[in-house]
């Protein structure tokens, strides 16, 4: 049975289908929506350890978890040991699991030696994990990639170091930094990481539907899977995968009417967090994905991108989400 509870340190998850942290996406409203569809663990957007160290209010705001169903994972990134320790102390005062990002491929992150750039310095990875584990009161996990490029495939070695340094789980994205999000995910490499350590290993990369979820489990033996971009505009993917792993039957797709109700919930959740204009503008990137398969998606998106009130947005959505 691929679907099961998952224990990370002393934290037990309802299931092993997880939401990946995504910058600008996995804010509080979106996490609540995904949790409602059965995600076993949700994670905040990644937060800069240096920004936390300097008490940056905007950074601390993205770590807000008020009213969320637990458990909740918070993710930090950085390469400066002292700021990572301070960030670990801060995050462990409110979250259930602390994740260190060592896989982000974004140029603005790697140029500072953070994210996947750390895969070029295994000694630094060891120092970071050891220090964060010491500073944290909650289980520490680490998210990595296959390596920096094809000449630097270090995931297995990095995983062993991460486990020895005290982390309680590892998420492995089966692409190199240079591949970003293109190309095939290396399931054989993910399997090697799983076989190299005794802590839980979570497979990530190109899980877009029921079959790709099953493929990840069947071909790698991972303890859980993490879904990222495929959940944007499609948060019900968690319920579909959970049902498929339980029954081997695919659920019928949601009707446009059902999708519209979920989108309205998402809008209401955003309005609780931000003033109306900012909330509606923040939702534009989500609306681009929610409207993806509509017959007149381009027209709908153009209209959506011109409005900044709830009333205007819902009027447009109701015009296009007609079964």
C-alpha atoms as a PDB file:
ATOM      1  CA  UNK A   1       0.000   0.000   0.000  1.00  0.00           C
ATOM      2  CA  UNK A   2       1.691   3.192  -1.157  1.00  0.00           C
ATOM      3  CA  UNK A   3      -0.650   5.515   0.736  1.00  0.00           C
ATOM      4  CA  UNK A   4       0.060   5.526   4.476  1.00  0.00           C
ATOM      5  CA  UNK A   5       0.823   7.702   7.462  1.00  0.00           C
ATOM      6  CA  UNK A   6       4.322   9.119   7.598  1.00  0.00           C
ATOM      7  CA  UNK A   7       6.412   9.914  10.645  1.00  0.00           C
ATOM      8  CA  UNK A   8       9.034  12.659  10.459  1.00  0.00           C
ATOM      9  CA  UNK A   9      10.865  12.756  13.745  1.00  0.00           C
ATOM     10  CA  UNK A  10       8.135  12.938  16.379  1.00  0.00           C
ATOM     11  CA  UNK A  11       5.531  14.334  13.957  1.00  0.00           C
ATOM     12  CA  UNK A  12       3.053  11.899  12.390  1.00  0.00           C
ATOM     13  CA  UNK A  13       1.334  12.919   9.170  1.00  0.00           C
ATOM     14  CA  UNK A  14      -2.120  11.696   8.139  1.00  0.00           C
ATOM     15  CA  UNK A  15      -0.736  10.644   4.787  1.00  0.00           C
ATOM     16  CA  UNK A  16       2.379  10.817   2.659  1.00  0.00           C
ATOM     17  CA  UNK A  17       1.139  13.109  -0.156  1.00  0.00           C
ATOM     18  CA  UNK A  18       2.779  16.493   0.491  1.00  0.00           C
ATOM     19  CA  UNK A  19       2.556  20.020  -0.908  1.00  0.00           C
ATOM     20  CA  UNK A  20       5.886  21.504  -2.007  1.00  0.00           C
ATOM     21  CA  UNK A  21       6.904  24.988  -0.876  1.00  0.00           C
ATOM     22  CA  UNK A  22       6.666  27.435  -3.796  1.00  0.00           C
ATOM     23  CA  UNK A  23       7.685  31.089  -3.704  1.00  0.00           C
ATOM     24  CA  UNK A  24       4.737  33.373  -4.338  1.00  0.00           C
ATOM     25  CA  UNK A  25       2.302  30.457  -4.326  1.00  0.00           C
ATOM     26  CA  UNK A  26       2.095  28.536  -1.043  1.00  0.00           C
ATOM     27  CA  UNK A  27       0.755  31.342   1.096  1.00  0.00           C
ATOM     28  CA  UNK A  28      -1.746  30.709   3.899  1.00  0.00           C
ATOM     29  CA  UNK A  29      -4.922  30.697   1.729  1.00  0.00           C
ATOM     30  CA  UNK A  30      -3.480  28.254  -0.820  1.00  0.00           C
ATOM     31  CA  UNK A  31      -2.161  25.955   1.912  1.00  0.00           C
ATOM     32  CA  UNK A  32      -5.609  25.848   3.529  1.00  0.00           C
ATOM     33  CA  UNK A  33      -7.202  24.912   0.190  1.00  0.00           C
ATOM     34  CA  UNK A  34      -4.667  22.109  -0.393  1.00  0.00           C
ATOM     35  CA  UNK A  35      -5.068  20.837   3.159  1.00  0.00           C
ATOM     36  CA  UNK A  36      -8.833  20.712   2.609  1.00  0.00           C
ATOM     37  CA  UNK A  37      -8.201  18.357  -0.313  1.00  0.00           C
ATOM     38  CA  UNK A  38      -6.171  16.002   1.850  1.00  0.00           C
ATOM     39  CA  UNK A  39      -2.517  17.088   1.607  1.00  0.00           C
ATOM     40  CA  UNK A  40      -0.712  15.279   4.423  1.00  0.00           C
ATOM     41  CA  UNK A  41       1.665  18.188   4.968  1.00  0.00           C
ATOM     42  CA  UNK A  42       1.783  21.726   3.614  1.00  0.00           C
ATOM     43  CA  UNK A  43       4.755  24.063   3.634  1.00  0.00           C
ATOM     44  CA  UNK A  44       5.204  27.817   3.701  1.00  0.00           C
ATOM     45  CA  UNK A  45       6.962  29.732   0.979  1.00  0.00           C
ATOM     46  CA  UNK A  46      10.705  29.661   1.519  1.00  0.00           C
ATOM     47  CA  UNK A  47      11.915  32.395   3.833  1.00  0.00           C
ATOM     48  CA  UNK A  48      15.359  33.960   3.807  1.00  0.00           C
ATOM     49  CA  UNK A  49      17.284  33.166   6.978  1.00  0.00           C
ATOM     50  CA  UNK A  50      19.105  36.488   6.699  1.00  0.00           C
ATOM     51  CA  UNK A  51      15.813  38.364   6.440  1.00  0.00           C
ATOM     52  CA  UNK A  52      14.584  36.583   9.579  1.00  0.00           C
ATOM     53  CA  UNK A  53      17.887  37.397  11.295  1.00  0.00           C
ATOM     54  CA  UNK A  54      17.337  41.093  10.530  1.00  0.00           C
ATOM     55  CA  UNK A  55      13.706  40.861  11.665  1.00  0.00           C
ATOM     56  CA  UNK A  56      12.249  41.692   8.259  1.00  0.00           C
ATOM     57  CA  UNK A  57       8.483  42.031   8.696  1.00  0.00           C
ATOM     58  CA  UNK A  58       7.517  40.989   5.149  1.00  0.00           C
ATOM     59  CA  UNK A  59       9.515  37.775   5.483  1.00  0.00           C
ATOM     60  CA  UNK A  60       7.962  36.961   8.830  1.00  0.00           C
ATOM     61  CA  UNK A  61       4.524  37.612   7.332  1.00  0.00           C
ATOM     62  CA  UNK A  62       4.977  34.834   4.754  1.00  0.00           C
ATOM     63  CA  UNK A  63       5.531  32.443   7.655  1.00  0.00           C
ATOM     64  CA  UNK A  64       2.154  33.275   9.187  1.00  0.00           C
ATOM     65  CA  UNK A  65       0.226  30.096  10.044  1.00  0.00           C
ATOM     66  CA  UNK A  66      -2.650  31.400  12.171  1.00  0.00           C
ATOM     67  CA  UNK A  67      -5.796  29.267  11.877  1.00  0.00           C
ATOM     68  CA  UNK A  68      -4.099  26.510   9.898  1.00  0.00           C
ATOM     69  CA  UNK A  69      -4.684  22.856  10.552  1.00  0.00           C
ATOM     70  CA  UNK A  70      -1.511  21.258  11.848  1.00  0.00           C
ATOM     71  CA  UNK A  71       1.037  19.880  11.194  1.00  0.00           C
ATOM     72  CA  UNK A  72       2.726  22.657   9.222  1.00  0.00           C
ATOM     73  CA  UNK A  73       6.182  22.779   7.720  1.00  0.00           C
ATOM     74  CA  UNK A  74       8.109  26.021   7.295  1.00  0.00           C
ATOM     75  CA  UNK A  75      11.023  26.346   4.899  1.00  0.00           C
ATOM     76  CA  UNK A  76      14.105  28.527   5.215  1.00  0.00           C
ATOM     77  CA  UNK A  77      17.039  29.080   2.894  1.00  0.00           C
ATOM     78  CA  UNK A  78      20.494  30.537   3.219  1.00  0.00           C
ATOM     79  CA  UNK A  79      24.155  29.669   3.616  1.00  0.00           C
ATOM     80  CA  UNK A  80      25.201  31.882   6.518  1.00  0.00           C
ATOM     81  CA  UNK A  81      25.389  29.651   9.595  1.00  0.00           C
ATOM     82  CA  UNK A  82      24.571  32.302  12.207  1.00  0.00           C
ATOM     83  CA  UNK A  83      21.457  33.578  10.456  1.00  0.00           C
ATOM     84  CA  UNK A  84      20.309  30.009   9.793  1.00  0.00           C
ATOM     85  CA  UNK A  85      20.589  29.250  13.512  1.00  0.00           C
ATOM     86  CA  UNK A  86      18.518  32.316  14.409  1.00  0.00           C
ATOM     87  CA  UNK A  87      15.955  31.413  11.739  1.00  0.00           C
ATOM     88  CA  UNK A  88      15.766  27.855  13.073  1.00  0.00           C
ATOM     89  CA  UNK A  89      15.098  29.092  16.603  1.00  0.00           C
ATOM     90  CA  UNK A  90      12.405  31.451  15.328  1.00  0.00           C
ATOM     91  CA  UNK A  91      10.634  28.939  13.079  1.00  0.00           C
ATOM     92  CA  UNK A  92      10.715  26.181  15.673  1.00  0.00           C
ATOM     93  CA  UNK A  93       8.741  28.421  18.032  1.00  0.00           C
ATOM     94  CA  UNK A  94       5.575  28.000  15.915  1.00  0.00           C
ATOM     95  CA  UNK A  95       5.957  25.361  13.142  1.00  0.00           C
ATOM     96  CA  UNK A  96       5.949  21.555  13.452  1.00  0.00           C
ATOM     97  CA  UNK A  97       8.708  20.741  10.945  1.00  0.00           C
ATOM     98  CA  UNK A  98      11.564  22.917   9.667  1.00  0.00           C
ATOM     99  CA  UNK A  99      12.816  22.408   6.105  1.00  0.00           C
ATOM    100  CA  UNK A 100      16.095  23.714   4.698  1.00  0.00           C
ATOM    101  CA  UNK A 101      16.013  24.506   0.989  1.00  0.00           C
ATOM    102  CA  UNK A 102      19.103  23.199  -0.794  1.00  0.00           C
ATOM    103  CA  UNK A 103      17.396  22.696  -4.138  1.00  0.00           C
ATOM    104  CA  UNK A 104      16.069  26.043  -5.388  1.00  0.00           C
ATOM    105  CA  UNK A 105      17.541  26.727  -8.860  1.00  0.00           C
ATOM    106  CA  UNK A 106      16.530  30.407  -9.122  1.00  0.00           C
ATOM    107  CA  UNK A 107      19.438  32.652 -10.205  1.00  0.00           C
ATOM    108  CA  UNK A 108      18.699  35.257  -7.516  1.00  0.00           C
ATOM    109  CA  UNK A 109      19.040  32.508  -4.879  1.00  0.00           C
ATOM    110  CA  UNK A 110      22.081  30.626  -6.182  1.00  0.00           C
ATOM    111  CA  UNK A 111      24.070  33.810  -6.876  1.00  0.00           C
ATOM    112  CA  UNK A 112      24.355  34.234  -3.093  1.00  0.00           C
ATOM    113  CA  UNK A 113      25.531  30.658  -2.577  1.00  0.00           C
ATOM    114  CA  UNK A 114      22.104  29.505  -1.381  1.00  0.00           C
ATOM    115  CA  UNK A 115      19.632  26.876  -2.588  1.00  0.00           C
ATOM    116  CA  UNK A 116      21.031  24.345  -5.035  1.00  0.00           C
ATOM    117  CA  UNK A 117      24.419  26.123  -5.090  1.00  0.00           C
ATOM    118  CA  UNK A 118      25.096  24.318  -1.806  1.00  0.00           C
ATOM    119  CA  UNK A 119      25.254  21.034  -3.730  1.00  0.00           C
ATOM    120  CA  UNK A 120      28.724  22.149  -4.849  1.00  0.00           C
ATOM    121  CA  UNK A 121      29.912  22.231  -1.216  1.00  0.00           C
ATOM    122  CA  UNK A 122      29.058  19.071   0.715  1.00  0.00           C
ATOM    123  CA  UNK A 123      31.101  20.172   3.740  1.00  0.00           C
ATOM    124  CA  UNK A 124      28.973  23.313   3.988  1.00  0.00           C
ATOM    125  CA  UNK A 125      25.820  21.180   3.761  1.00  0.00           C
ATOM    126  CA  UNK A 126      27.043  19.153   6.730  1.00  0.00           C
ATOM    127  CA  UNK A 127      27.814  22.280   8.782  1.00  0.00           C
ATOM    128  CA  UNK A 128      24.448  23.853   7.999  1.00  0.00           C
ATOM    129  CA  UNK A 129      22.401  20.786   8.894  1.00  0.00           C
ATOM    130  CA  UNK A 130      24.347  20.142  12.098  1.00  0.00           C
ATOM    131  CA  UNK A 131      23.895  23.734  13.285  1.00  0.00           C
ATOM    132  CA  UNK A 132      20.247  24.023  12.304  1.00  0.00           C
ATOM    133  CA  UNK A 133      19.426  20.715  14.010  1.00  0.00           C
ATOM    134  CA  UNK A 134      21.096  21.972  17.196  1.00  0.00           C
ATOM    135  CA  UNK A 135      19.207  25.270  17.091  1.00  0.00           C
ATOM    136  CA  UNK A 136      15.822  23.776  16.250  1.00  0.00           C
ATOM    137  CA  UNK A 137      13.276  22.413  18.729  1.00  0.00           C
ATOM    138  CA  UNK A 138      11.392  20.608  15.936  1.00  0.00           C
ATOM    139  CA  UNK A 139      12.395  17.963  13.360  1.00  0.00           C
ATOM    140  CA  UNK A 140      14.584  19.273  10.544  1.00  0.00           C
ATOM    141  CA  UNK A 141      14.227  18.118   6.938  1.00  0.00           C
ATOM    142  CA  UNK A 142      16.200  19.035   3.828  1.00  0.00           C
ATOM    143  CA  UNK A 143      15.142  19.465   0.196  1.00  0.00           C
ATOM    144  CA  UNK A 144      17.825  18.768  -2.418  1.00  0.00           C
ATOM    145  CA  UNK A 145      18.213  18.117  -6.126  1.00  0.00           C
ATOM    146  CA  UNK A 146      20.089  15.468  -8.076  1.00  0.00           C
ATOM    147  CA  UNK A 147      23.102  17.790  -8.271  1.00  0.00           C
ATOM    148  CA  UNK A 148      24.273  21.056  -9.796  1.00  0.00           C
ATOM    149  CA  UNK A 149      24.720  19.610 -13.309  1.00  0.00           C
ATOM    150  CA  UNK A 150      25.412  16.259 -14.970  1.00  0.00           C
ATOM    151  CA  UNK A 151      29.079  16.502 -13.952  1.00  0.00           C
ATOM    152  CA  UNK A 152      28.045  17.007 -10.326  1.00  0.00           C
ATOM    153  CA  UNK A 153      25.577  14.267  -9.345  1.00  0.00           C
ATOM    154  CA  UNK A 154      25.891  14.307  -5.551  1.00  0.00           C
ATOM    155  CA  UNK A 155      22.414  13.485  -4.236  1.00  0.00           C
ATOM    156  CA  UNK A 156      23.324  10.103  -2.719  1.00  0.00           C
ATOM    157  CA  UNK A 157      26.416  11.434  -0.975  1.00  0.00           C
ATOM    158  CA  UNK A 158      24.567  14.552   0.163  1.00  0.00           C
ATOM    159  CA  UNK A 159      21.695  12.450   1.532  1.00  0.00           C
ATOM    160  CA  UNK A 160      24.070  10.370   3.647  1.00  0.00           C
ATOM    161  CA  UNK A 161      25.692  13.525   5.031  1.00  0.00           C
ATOM    162  CA  UNK A 162      22.291  15.089   5.745  1.00  0.00           C
ATOM    163  CA  UNK A 163      21.131  11.984   7.630  1.00  0.00           C
ATOM    164  CA  UNK A 164      24.359  11.799   9.663  1.00  0.00           C
ATOM    165  CA  UNK A 165      24.025  15.490  10.533  1.00  0.00           C
ATOM    166  CA  UNK A 166      20.659  14.855  12.196  1.00  0.00           C
ATOM    167  CA  UNK A 167      17.930  15.577   9.646  1.00  0.00           C
ATOM    168  CA  UNK A 168      14.748  13.504   9.974  1.00  0.00           C
ATOM    169  CA  UNK A 169      13.731  13.334   6.287  1.00  0.00           C
ATOM    170  CA  UNK A 170      14.968  14.252   2.818  1.00  0.00           C
ATOM    171  CA  UNK A 171      13.050  15.425  -0.229  1.00  0.00           C
ATOM    172  CA  UNK A 172      14.817  14.745  -3.515  1.00  0.00           C
ATOM    173  CA  UNK A 173      13.911  16.469  -6.774  1.00  0.00           C
ATOM    174  CA  UNK A 174      15.171  14.210  -9.554  1.00  0.00           C
ATOM    175  CA  UNK A 175      16.659  16.921 -11.776  1.00  0.00           C
ATOM    176  CA  UNK A 176      19.897  18.905 -11.638  1.00  0.00           C
ATOM    177  CA  UNK A 177      19.962  22.631 -11.016  1.00  0.00           C
ATOM    178  CA  UNK A 178      20.857  23.213 -14.666  1.00  0.00           C
ATOM    179  CA  UNK A 179      17.708  21.393 -15.773  1.00  0.00           C
ATOM    180  CA  UNK A 180      15.480  23.629 -13.635  1.00  0.00           C
ATOM    181  CA  UNK A 181      12.033  22.053 -14.280  1.00  0.00           C
ATOM    182  CA  UNK A 182      12.591  20.592 -17.744  1.00  0.00           C
ATOM    183  CA  UNK A 183      13.656  17.148 -18.908  1.00  0.00           C
ATOM    184  CA  UNK A 184      12.965  13.762 -17.427  1.00  0.00           C
ATOM    185  CA  UNK A 185      13.007  13.205 -13.685  1.00  0.00           C
ATOM    186  CA  UNK A 186      15.676  10.650 -12.740  1.00  0.00           C
ATOM    187  CA  UNK A 187      13.693   7.986 -10.877  1.00  0.00           C
ATOM    188  CA  UNK A 188      16.717   5.679 -10.692  1.00  0.00           C
ATOM    189  CA  UNK A 189      18.657   8.343  -8.825  1.00  0.00           C
ATOM    190  CA  UNK A 190      15.756   8.921  -6.434  1.00  0.00           C
ATOM    191  CA  UNK A 191      15.686   5.171  -5.780  1.00  0.00           C
ATOM    192  CA  UNK A 192      19.420   5.230  -4.991  1.00  0.00           C
ATOM    193  CA  UNK A 193      18.859   8.034  -2.473  1.00  0.00           C
ATOM    194  CA  UNK A 194      16.052   6.030  -0.866  1.00  0.00           C
ATOM    195  CA  UNK A 195      18.300   2.978  -0.582  1.00  0.00           C
ATOM    196  CA  UNK A 196      21.223   4.998   0.832  1.00  0.00           C
ATOM    197  CA  UNK A 197      19.540   6.292   3.997  1.00  0.00           C
ATOM    198  CA  UNK A 198      17.200   5.056   6.706  1.00  0.00           C
ATOM    199  CA  UNK A 199      15.243   8.293   7.278  1.00  0.00           C
ATOM    200  CA  UNK A 200      12.131   8.946   5.149  1.00  0.00           C
ATOM    201  CA  UNK A 201      12.766   9.971   1.556  1.00  0.00           C
ATOM    202  CA  UNK A 202      10.162  12.002  -0.343  1.00  0.00           C
ATOM    203  CA  UNK A 203      10.186  11.942  -4.143  1.00  0.00           C
ATOM    204  CA  UNK A 204       9.605  15.171  -6.049  1.00  0.00           C
ATOM    205  CA  UNK A 205       9.529  16.248  -9.670  1.00  0.00           C
ATOM    206  CA  UNK A 206       7.010  15.939 -12.505  1.00  0.00           C
ATOM    207  CA  UNK A 207       4.224  14.423 -10.408  1.00  0.00           C
ATOM    208  CA  UNK A 208       1.290  15.834 -12.344  1.00  0.00           C
ATOM    209  CA  UNK A 209      -1.515  13.269 -11.975  1.00  0.00           C
ATOM    210  CA  UNK A 210      -2.494   9.879 -10.548  1.00  0.00           C
ATOM    211  CA  UNK A 211      -0.295   7.830 -12.855  1.00  0.00           C
ATOM    212  CA  UNK A 212       2.879   9.864 -12.344  1.00  0.00           C
ATOM    213  CA  UNK A 213       2.301   9.662  -8.590  1.00  0.00           C
ATOM    214  CA  UNK A 214       2.025   5.879  -8.804  1.00  0.00           C
ATOM    215  CA  UNK A 215       5.114   5.729 -11.041  1.00  0.00           C
ATOM    216  CA  UNK A 216       7.154   7.599  -8.438  1.00  0.00           C
ATOM    217  CA  UNK A 217       6.181   5.115  -5.743  1.00  0.00           C
ATOM    218  CA  UNK A 218       6.586   2.014  -7.919  1.00  0.00           C
ATOM    219  CA  UNK A 219       9.950   2.939  -9.414  1.00  0.00           C
ATOM    220  CA  UNK A 220      11.691   4.450  -6.398  1.00  0.00           C
ATOM    221  CA  UNK A 221      10.252   2.962  -3.202  1.00  0.00           C
ATOM    222  CA  UNK A 222      10.028   6.431  -1.652  1.00  0.00           C
ATOM    223  CA  UNK A 223       8.188   6.949   1.625  1.00  0.00           C
ATOM    224  CA  UNK A 224       6.144   9.830   0.272  1.00  0.00           C
ATOM    225  CA  UNK A 225       5.718  12.180  -2.665  1.00  0.00           C
ATOM    226  CA  UNK A 226       5.728  15.956  -2.932  1.00  0.00           C
ATOM    227  CA  UNK A 227       3.586  17.839  -5.446  1.00  0.00           C
ATOM    228  CA  UNK A 228       4.550  21.324  -6.557  1.00  0.00           C
ATOM    229  CA  UNK A 229       3.566  23.141  -9.735  1.00  0.00           C
ATOM    230  CA  UNK A 230       0.857  20.610 -10.656  1.00  0.00           C
ATOM    231  CA  UNK A 231      -1.176  21.779  -7.642  1.00  0.00           C
ATOM    232  CA  UNK A 232      -1.393  25.391  -8.859  1.00  0.00           C
ATOM    233  CA  UNK A 233      -4.899  25.918 -10.180  1.00  0.00           C
ATOM    234  CA  UNK A 234      -5.486  22.255  -9.411  1.00  0.00           C
ATOM    235  CA  UNK A 235      -5.467  21.822  -5.608  1.00  0.00           C
ATOM    236  CA  UNK A 236      -7.917  18.906  -5.880  1.00  0.00           C
ATOM    237  CA  UNK A 237      -4.986  16.860  -7.249  1.00  0.00           C
ATOM    238  CA  UNK A 238      -4.361  15.695  -3.670  1.00  0.00           C
ATOM    239  CA  UNK A 239      -7.830  14.172  -3.336  1.00  0.00           C
ATOM    240  CA  UNK A 240      -7.534  12.556  -6.767  1.00  0.00           C
ATOM    241  CA  UNK A 241      -4.180  10.939  -6.029  1.00  0.00           C
ATOM    242  CA  UNK A 242      -5.264   9.773  -2.579  1.00  0.00           C
ATOM    243  CA  UNK A 243      -8.408   8.208  -4.044  1.00  0.00           C
ATOM    244  CA  UNK A 244      -6.425   6.547  -6.852  1.00  0.00           C
ATOM    245  CA  UNK A 245      -3.870   5.040  -4.478  1.00  0.00           C
ATOM    246  CA  UNK A 246      -6.706   3.707  -2.321  1.00  0.00           C
ATOM    247  CA  UNK A 247      -9.014   2.381  -5.032  1.00  0.00           C
ATOM    248  CA  UNK A 248      -6.951   2.195  -8.270  1.00  0.00           C
ATOM    249  CA  UNK A 249      -9.848   4.105  -9.849  1.00  0.00           C
ATOM    250  CA  UNK A 250      -9.601   7.629 -11.238  1.00  0.00           C
ATOM    251  CA  UNK A 251     -12.146  10.127 -10.003  1.00  0.00           C
ATOM    252  CA  UNK A 252     -14.274  12.012 -12.472  1.00  0.00           C
ATOM    253  CA  UNK A 253     -12.933  15.526 -13.008  1.00  0.00           C
ATOM    254  CA  UNK A 254     -14.650  18.320 -11.112  1.00  0.00           C
ATOM    255  CA  UNK A 255     -17.339  20.227 -12.974  1.00  0.00           C
ATOM    256  CA  UNK A 256     -16.767  23.891 -13.755  1.00  0.00           C
ATOM    257  CA  UNK A 257     -19.434  24.724 -11.164  1.00  0.00           C
ATOM    258  CA  UNK A 258     -17.540  22.779  -8.488  1.00  0.00           C
ATOM    259  CA  UNK A 259     -14.261  24.417  -9.493  1.00  0.00           C
ATOM    260  CA  UNK A 260     -15.866  27.844  -9.298  1.00  0.00           C
ATOM    261  CA  UNK A 261     -16.974  27.200  -5.717  1.00  0.00           C
ATOM    262  CA  UNK A 262     -13.407  26.295  -4.749  1.00  0.00           C
ATOM    263  CA  UNK A 263     -12.059  29.403  -6.461  1.00  0.00           C
ATOM    264  CA  UNK A 264     -14.583  31.513  -4.529  1.00  0.00           C
ATOM    265  CA  UNK A 265     -13.327  29.918  -1.292  1.00  0.00           C
ATOM    266  CA  UNK A 266      -9.781  30.820  -2.316  1.00  0.00           C
ATOM    267  CA  UNK A 267     -10.860  34.421  -2.934  1.00  0.00           C
ATOM    268  CA  UNK A 268     -12.533  34.657   0.487  1.00  0.00           C
ATOM    269  CA  UNK A 269      -9.440  33.266   2.206  1.00  0.00           C
ATOM    270  CA  UNK A 270      -7.266  35.858   0.458  1.00  0.00           C
ATOM    271  CA  UNK A 271      -9.591  38.657   1.506  1.00  0.00           C
ATOM    272  CA  UNK A 272      -9.143  37.633   5.135  1.00  0.00           C
ATOM    273  CA  UNK A 273      -5.390  38.135   4.799  1.00  0.00           C
ATOM    274  CA  UNK A 274      -5.086  41.267   2.647  1.00  0.00           C
ATOM    275  CA  UNK A 275      -6.982  44.407   1.763  1.00  0.00           C
ATOM    276  CA  UNK A 276      -9.199  43.874  -1.271  1.00  0.00           C
ATOM    277  CA  UNK A 277      -7.118  45.391  -4.069  1.00  0.00           C
ATOM    278  CA  UNK A 278      -3.917  43.609  -3.008  1.00  0.00           C
ATOM    279  CA  UNK A 279      -5.788  40.334  -2.447  1.00  0.00           C
ATOM    280  CA  UNK A 280      -7.329  40.337  -5.923  1.00  0.00           C
ATOM    281  CA  UNK A 281      -4.034  41.262  -7.571  1.00  0.00           C
ATOM    282  CA  UNK A 282      -2.255  38.524  -5.606  1.00  0.00           C
ATOM    283  CA  UNK A 283      -4.769  36.004  -6.934  1.00  0.00           C
ATOM    284  CA  UNK A 284      -4.050  36.772 -10.596  1.00  0.00           C
ATOM    285  CA  UNK A 285      -1.302  34.150 -10.894  1.00  0.00           C
ATOM    286  CA  UNK A 286      -3.644  31.546  -9.403  1.00  0.00           C
ATOM    287  CA  UNK A 287      -6.480  32.585 -11.723  1.00  0.00           C
ATOM    288  CA  UNK A 288      -4.185  32.106 -14.722  1.00  0.00           C
ATOM    289  CA  UNK A 289      -3.933  28.436 -13.712  1.00  0.00           C
ATOM    290  CA  UNK A 290      -7.538  27.951 -12.623  1.00  0.00           C
ATOM    291  CA  UNK A 291      -8.700  29.160 -16.047  1.00  0.00           C
ATOM    292  CA  UNK A 292      -6.106  27.166 -17.991  1.00  0.00           C
ATOM    293  CA  UNK A 293      -8.443  24.709 -19.704  1.00  0.00           C
ATOM    294  CA  UNK A 294     -11.355  27.015 -20.361  1.00  0.00           C
ATOM    295  CA  UNK A 295     -12.420  27.414 -23.979  1.00  0.00           C
ATOM    296  CA  UNK A 296     -11.673  31.135 -23.872  1.00  0.00           C
ATOM    297  CA  UNK A 297      -8.894  31.067 -21.282  1.00  0.00           C
ATOM    298  CA  UNK A 298      -6.825  33.849 -22.860  1.00  0.00           C
ATOM    299  CA  UNK A 299      -9.791  36.229 -22.984  1.00  0.00           C
ATOM    300  CA  UNK A 300     -10.733  35.369 -19.393  1.00  0.00           C
ATOM    301  CA  UNK A 301      -7.204  36.007 -18.144  1.00  0.00           C
ATOM    302  CA  UNK A 302      -6.961  39.359 -19.925  1.00  0.00           C
ATOM    303  CA  UNK A 303     -10.163  40.491 -18.219  1.00  0.00           C
ATOM    304  CA  UNK A 304      -9.093  39.146 -14.818  1.00  0.00           C
ATOM    305  CA  UNK A 305      -5.809  41.051 -15.019  1.00  0.00           C
ATOM    306  CA  UNK A 306      -7.680  44.376 -15.310  1.00  0.00           C
ATOM    307  CA  UNK A 307      -9.832  44.112 -12.172  1.00  0.00           C
ATOM    308  CA  UNK A 308      -9.053  44.667  -8.526  1.00  0.00           C
ATOM    309  CA  UNK A 309     -12.303  44.050  -6.643  1.00  0.00           C
ATOM    310  CA  UNK A 310     -13.943  40.824  -5.511  1.00  0.00           C
ATOM    311  CA  UNK A 311     -17.206  41.719  -7.222  1.00  0.00           C
ATOM    312  CA  UNK A 312     -15.523  42.324 -10.595  1.00  0.00           C
ATOM    313  CA  UNK A 313     -13.450  39.137 -10.369  1.00  0.00           C
ATOM    314  CA  UNK A 314     -16.378  36.896  -9.483  1.00  0.00           C
ATOM    315  CA  UNK A 315     -18.495  38.403 -12.252  1.00  0.00           C
ATOM    316  CA  UNK A 316     -15.824  37.465 -14.814  1.00  0.00           C
ATOM    317  CA  UNK A 317     -15.363  33.980 -13.369  1.00  0.00           C
ATOM    318  CA  UNK A 318     -19.096  33.293 -13.429  1.00  0.00           C
ATOM    319  CA  UNK A 319     -19.188  34.332 -17.061  1.00  0.00           C
ATOM    320  CA  UNK A 320     -16.589  31.719 -18.055  1.00  0.00           C
ATOM    321  CA  UNK A 321     -17.129  28.872 -15.579  1.00  0.00           C
ATOM    322  CA  UNK A 322     -20.399  27.704 -17.095  1.00  0.00           C
ATOM    323  CA  UNK A 323     -20.951  23.962 -17.563  1.00  0.00           C
END
